[in-house]
Amino acid sequence: MIESFASGFLVFAYFATALFQLAIALGAPLGEYAYGGQREGKLPTPYRVASGISFLVMIAISGHYLAQTGILTPLLSAQQNAIVNWVLVGFASLAALMNNITKSQKEKRLWGSTTLAMLLSAVLVAL
């Protein structure tokens, strides 16, 4: 039961993060909320390209967790799925660390607790 809730939360959280990254890639003035918050407004092209790539990664991760909920057919074997789940715990750990040590208060307020909740959920799914 808790694994299903955690998977559903992760689908929502990664999809929302994907939309945030897409907005940056398309030029939304969200620089203070991403990449350390060092730039205000619209980010330079290299950051926007990185956000475009991040958008695709976040969509893929959402798809992985949709398969965890049973909404999508899993593409991986049970063993591969377990490995990917722990890789995603590592990914979530790095995200939580970086978003909680950032000097940008705006970025920390937006992503600090969000990424900690994503990490906890990823651990629950992996277990």
C-alpha atoms as a PDB file:
ATOM      1  CA  MET A   1       0.000   0.000   0.000  1.00  0.00           C
ATOM      2  CA  ILE A   2       2.673   2.524   1.027  1.00  0.00           C
ATOM      3  CA  GLU A   3       4.769   1.525  -2.007  1.00  0.00           C
ATOM      4  CA  SER A   4       1.843   2.338  -4.301  1.00  0.00           C
ATOM      5  CA  PHE A   5       1.378   5.738  -2.655  1.00  0.00           C
ATOM      6  CA  ALA A   6       5.126   6.416  -2.893  1.00  0.00           C
ATOM      7  CA  SER A   7       5.167   5.419  -6.576  1.00  0.00           C
ATOM      8  CA  GLY A   8       2.178   7.642  -7.299  1.00  0.00           C
ATOM      9  CA  PHE A   9       3.800  10.565  -5.508  1.00  0.00           C
ATOM     10  CA  LEU A  10       6.990  10.053  -7.522  1.00  0.00           C
ATOM     11  CA  VAL A  11       5.040  10.019 -10.799  1.00  0.00           C
ATOM     12  CA  PHE A  12       3.514  13.375  -9.854  1.00  0.00           C
ATOM     13  CA  ALA A  13       6.764  14.844  -8.492  1.00  0.00           C
ATOM     14  CA  TYR A  14       8.920  13.863 -11.472  1.00  0.00           C
ATOM     15  CA  PHE A  15       6.247  14.979 -13.938  1.00  0.00           C
ATOM     16  CA  ALA A  16       5.973  18.348 -12.172  1.00  0.00           C
ATOM     17  CA  THR A  17       9.768  18.637 -12.205  1.00  0.00           C
ATOM     18  CA  ALA A  18       9.747  17.803 -15.918  1.00  0.00           C
ATOM     19  CA  LEU A  19       7.281  20.630 -16.554  1.00  0.00           C
ATOM     20  CA  PHE A  20       9.490  23.007 -14.544  1.00  0.00           C
ATOM     21  CA  GLN A  21      12.501  21.992 -16.647  1.00  0.00           C
ATOM     22  CA  LEU A  22      10.496  22.386 -19.851  1.00  0.00           C
ATOM     23  CA  ALA A  23       9.502  25.895 -18.798  1.00  0.00           C
ATOM     24  CA  ILE A  24      13.174  26.775 -18.264  1.00  0.00           C
ATOM     25  CA  ALA A  25      14.116  25.236 -21.615  1.00  0.00           C
ATOM     26  CA  LEU A  26      11.465  27.378 -23.309  1.00  0.00           C
ATOM     27  CA  GLY A  27      12.825  30.538 -21.674  1.00  0.00           C
ATOM     28  CA  ALA A  28      10.735  31.056 -18.547  1.00  0.00           C
ATOM     29  CA  PRO A  29      12.425  33.471 -16.114  1.00  0.00           C
ATOM     30  CA  LEU A  30      13.089  30.892 -13.382  1.00  0.00           C
ATOM     31  CA  GLY A  31      16.862  31.220 -13.045  1.00  0.00           C
ATOM     32  CA  GLU A  32      16.728  31.892  -9.308  1.00  0.00           C
ATOM     33  CA  TYR A  33      15.029  28.535  -8.744  1.00  0.00           C
ATOM     34  CA  ALA A  34      17.465  26.320 -10.654  1.00  0.00           C
ATOM     35  CA  TYR A  35      21.147  25.539 -11.129  1.00  0.00           C
ATOM     36  CA  GLY A  36      22.193  27.064  -7.832  1.00  0.00           C
ATOM     37  CA  GLY A  37      20.031  30.144  -8.262  1.00  0.00           C
ATOM     38  CA  GLN A  38      22.998  32.214  -9.418  1.00  0.00           C
ATOM     39  CA  ARG A  39      21.226  33.821 -12.367  1.00  0.00           C
ATOM     40  CA  GLU A  40      18.016  35.822 -12.356  1.00  0.00           C
ATOM     41  CA  GLY A  41      15.430  35.601 -15.094  1.00  0.00           C
ATOM     42  CA  LYS A  42      15.855  33.654 -18.293  1.00  0.00           C
ATOM     43  CA  LEU A  43      18.829  31.290 -18.240  1.00  0.00           C
ATOM     44  CA  PRO A  44      21.541  31.255 -20.932  1.00  0.00           C
ATOM     45  CA  THR A  45      21.287  28.743 -23.781  1.00  0.00           C
ATOM     46  CA  PRO A  46      23.572  26.040 -22.280  1.00  0.00           C
ATOM     47  CA  TYR A  47      21.381  25.872 -19.165  1.00  0.00           C
ATOM     48  CA  ARG A  48      18.251  25.817 -21.277  1.00  0.00           C
ATOM     49  CA  VAL A  49      19.614  22.910 -23.326  1.00  0.00           C
ATOM     50  CA  ALA A  50      20.465  21.099 -20.079  1.00  0.00           C
ATOM     51  CA  SER A  51      16.892  21.706 -18.915  1.00  0.00           C
ATOM     52  CA  GLY A  52      15.571  20.250 -22.171  1.00  0.00           C
ATOM     53  CA  ILE A  53      17.603  17.103 -21.553  1.00  0.00           C
ATOM     54  CA  SER A  54      16.470  17.070 -17.922  1.00  0.00           C
ATOM     55  CA  PHE A  55      12.855  17.295 -19.093  1.00  0.00           C
ATOM     56  CA  LEU A  56      13.305  14.072 -21.082  1.00  0.00           C
ATOM     57  CA  VAL A  57      15.017  12.313 -18.178  1.00  0.00           C
ATOM     58  CA  MET A  58      12.254  13.328 -15.766  1.00  0.00           C
ATOM     59  CA  ILE A  59       9.578  12.062 -18.156  1.00  0.00           C
ATOM     60  CA  ALA A  60      11.416   8.734 -18.419  1.00  0.00           C
ATOM     61  CA  ILE A  61      11.638   8.468 -14.628  1.00  0.00           C
ATOM     62  CA  SER A  62       7.918   9.251 -14.368  1.00  0.00           C
ATOM     63  CA  GLY A  63       7.294   6.415 -16.821  1.00  0.00           C
ATOM     64  CA  HIS A  64       9.377   4.061 -14.708  1.00  0.00           C
ATOM     65  CA  TYR A  65       7.282   4.864 -11.641  1.00  0.00           C
ATOM     66  CA  LEU A  66       4.061   4.605 -13.658  1.00  0.00           C
ATOM     67  CA  ALA A  67       5.114   1.032 -14.375  1.00  0.00           C
ATOM     68  CA  GLN A  68       5.599   0.562 -10.614  1.00  0.00           C
ATOM     69  CA  THR A  69       1.961   1.499 -10.082  1.00  0.00           C
ATOM     70  CA  GLY A  70       0.822  -0.961 -12.775  1.00  0.00           C
ATOM     71  CA  ILE A  71      -0.551   1.753 -15.061  1.00  0.00           C
ATOM     72  CA  LEU A  72       2.152   1.069 -17.660  1.00  0.00           C
ATOM     73  CA  THR A  73       3.536  -2.315 -18.618  1.00  0.00           C
ATOM     74  CA  PRO A  74       7.028  -2.719 -17.147  1.00  0.00           C
ATOM     75  CA  LEU A  75       9.812  -2.799 -19.722  1.00  0.00           C
ATOM     76  CA  LEU A  76      12.301  -4.312 -17.287  1.00  0.00           C
ATOM     77  CA  SER A  77      12.610  -7.677 -15.602  1.00  0.00           C
ATOM     78  CA  ALA A  78      12.088  -7.783 -11.835  1.00  0.00           C
ATOM     79  CA  GLN A  79      15.854  -7.900 -11.274  1.00  0.00           C
ATOM     80  CA  GLN A  80      16.527  -4.973 -13.637  1.00  0.00           C
ATOM     81  CA  ASN A  81      13.691  -3.037 -12.027  1.00  0.00           C
ATOM     82  CA  ALA A  82      15.213  -3.515  -8.570  1.00  0.00           C
ATOM     83  CA  ILE A  83      18.570  -2.224  -9.831  1.00  0.00           C
ATOM     84  CA  VAL A  84      16.986   0.813 -11.485  1.00  0.00           C
ATOM     85  CA  ASN A  85      15.007   1.557  -8.316  1.00  0.00           C
ATOM     86  CA  TRP A  86      18.246   1.741  -6.314  1.00  0.00           C
ATOM     87  CA  VAL A  87      19.936   3.833  -9.010  1.00  0.00           C
ATOM     88  CA  LEU A  88      16.995   6.236  -8.718  1.00  0.00           C
ATOM     89  CA  VAL A  89      17.471   6.318  -4.940  1.00  0.00           C
ATOM     90  CA  GLY A  90      21.027   7.470  -5.649  1.00  0.00           C
ATOM     91  CA  PHE A  91      19.737  10.078  -8.107  1.00  0.00           C
ATOM     92  CA  ALA A  92      17.188  11.321  -5.562  1.00  0.00           C
ATOM     93  CA  SER A  93      19.900  11.416  -2.873  1.00  0.00           C
ATOM     94  CA  LEU A  94      22.078  13.644  -5.013  1.00  0.00           C
ATOM     95  CA  ALA A  95      19.120  15.905  -5.851  1.00  0.00           C
ATOM     96  CA  ALA A  96      18.151  16.195  -2.176  1.00  0.00           C
ATOM     97  CA  LEU A  97      21.729  16.961  -1.161  1.00  0.00           C
ATOM     98  CA  MET A  98      22.299  19.611  -3.819  1.00  0.00           C
ATOM     99  CA  ASN A  99      18.943  21.305  -3.296  1.00  0.00           C
ATOM    100  CA  ASN A 100      19.408  21.469   0.467  1.00  0.00           C
ATOM    101  CA  ILE A 101      22.969  22.824   0.462  1.00  0.00           C
ATOM    102  CA  THR A 102      22.403  25.463  -2.226  1.00  0.00           C
ATOM    103  CA  LYS A 103      23.068  29.074  -1.257  1.00  0.00           C
ATOM    104  CA  SER A 104      19.924  30.103  -3.137  1.00  0.00           C
ATOM    105  CA  GLN A 105      17.119  30.474  -0.609  1.00  0.00           C
ATOM    106  CA  LYS A 106      14.496  30.502  -3.367  1.00  0.00           C
ATOM    107  CA  GLU A 107      15.787  27.247  -4.825  1.00  0.00           C
ATOM    108  CA  LYS A 108      16.070  25.689  -1.359  1.00  0.00           C
ATOM    109  CA  ARG A 109      12.510  26.710  -0.411  1.00  0.00           C
ATOM    110  CA  LEU A 110      11.099  25.282  -3.639  1.00  0.00           C
ATOM    111  CA  TRP A 111      13.139  22.095  -3.942  1.00  0.00           C
ATOM    112  CA  GLY A 112      14.618  21.326  -0.502  1.00  0.00           C
ATOM    113  CA  SER A 113      11.696  19.546   1.149  1.00  0.00           C
ATOM    114  CA  THR A 114      10.345  18.367  -2.209  1.00  0.00           C
ATOM    115  CA  THR A 115      13.518  16.456  -3.020  1.00  0.00           C
ATOM    116  CA  LEU A 116      13.674  15.007   0.510  1.00  0.00           C
ATOM    117  CA  ALA A 117      10.119  13.681   0.060  1.00  0.00           C
ATOM    118  CA  MET A 118      11.131  12.282  -3.320  1.00  0.00           C
ATOM    119  CA  LEU A 119      14.137  10.554  -1.725  1.00  0.00           C
ATOM    120  CA  LEU A 120      12.026   9.001   1.026  1.00  0.00           C
ATOM    121  CA  SER A 121       9.496   7.813  -1.543  1.00  0.00           C
ATOM    122  CA  ALA A 122      12.222   6.357  -3.772  1.00  0.00           C
ATOM    123  CA  VAL A 123      13.615   4.404  -0.808  1.00  0.00           C
ATOM    124  CA  LEU A 124      10.131   3.054   0.026  1.00  0.00           C
ATOM    125  CA  VAL A 125       9.659   1.888  -3.565  1.00  0.00           C
ATOM    126  CA  ALA A 126      13.132   0.322  -3.716  1.00  0.00           C
ATOM    127  CA  LEU A 127      12.581  -1.608  -0.483  1.00  0.00           C
END
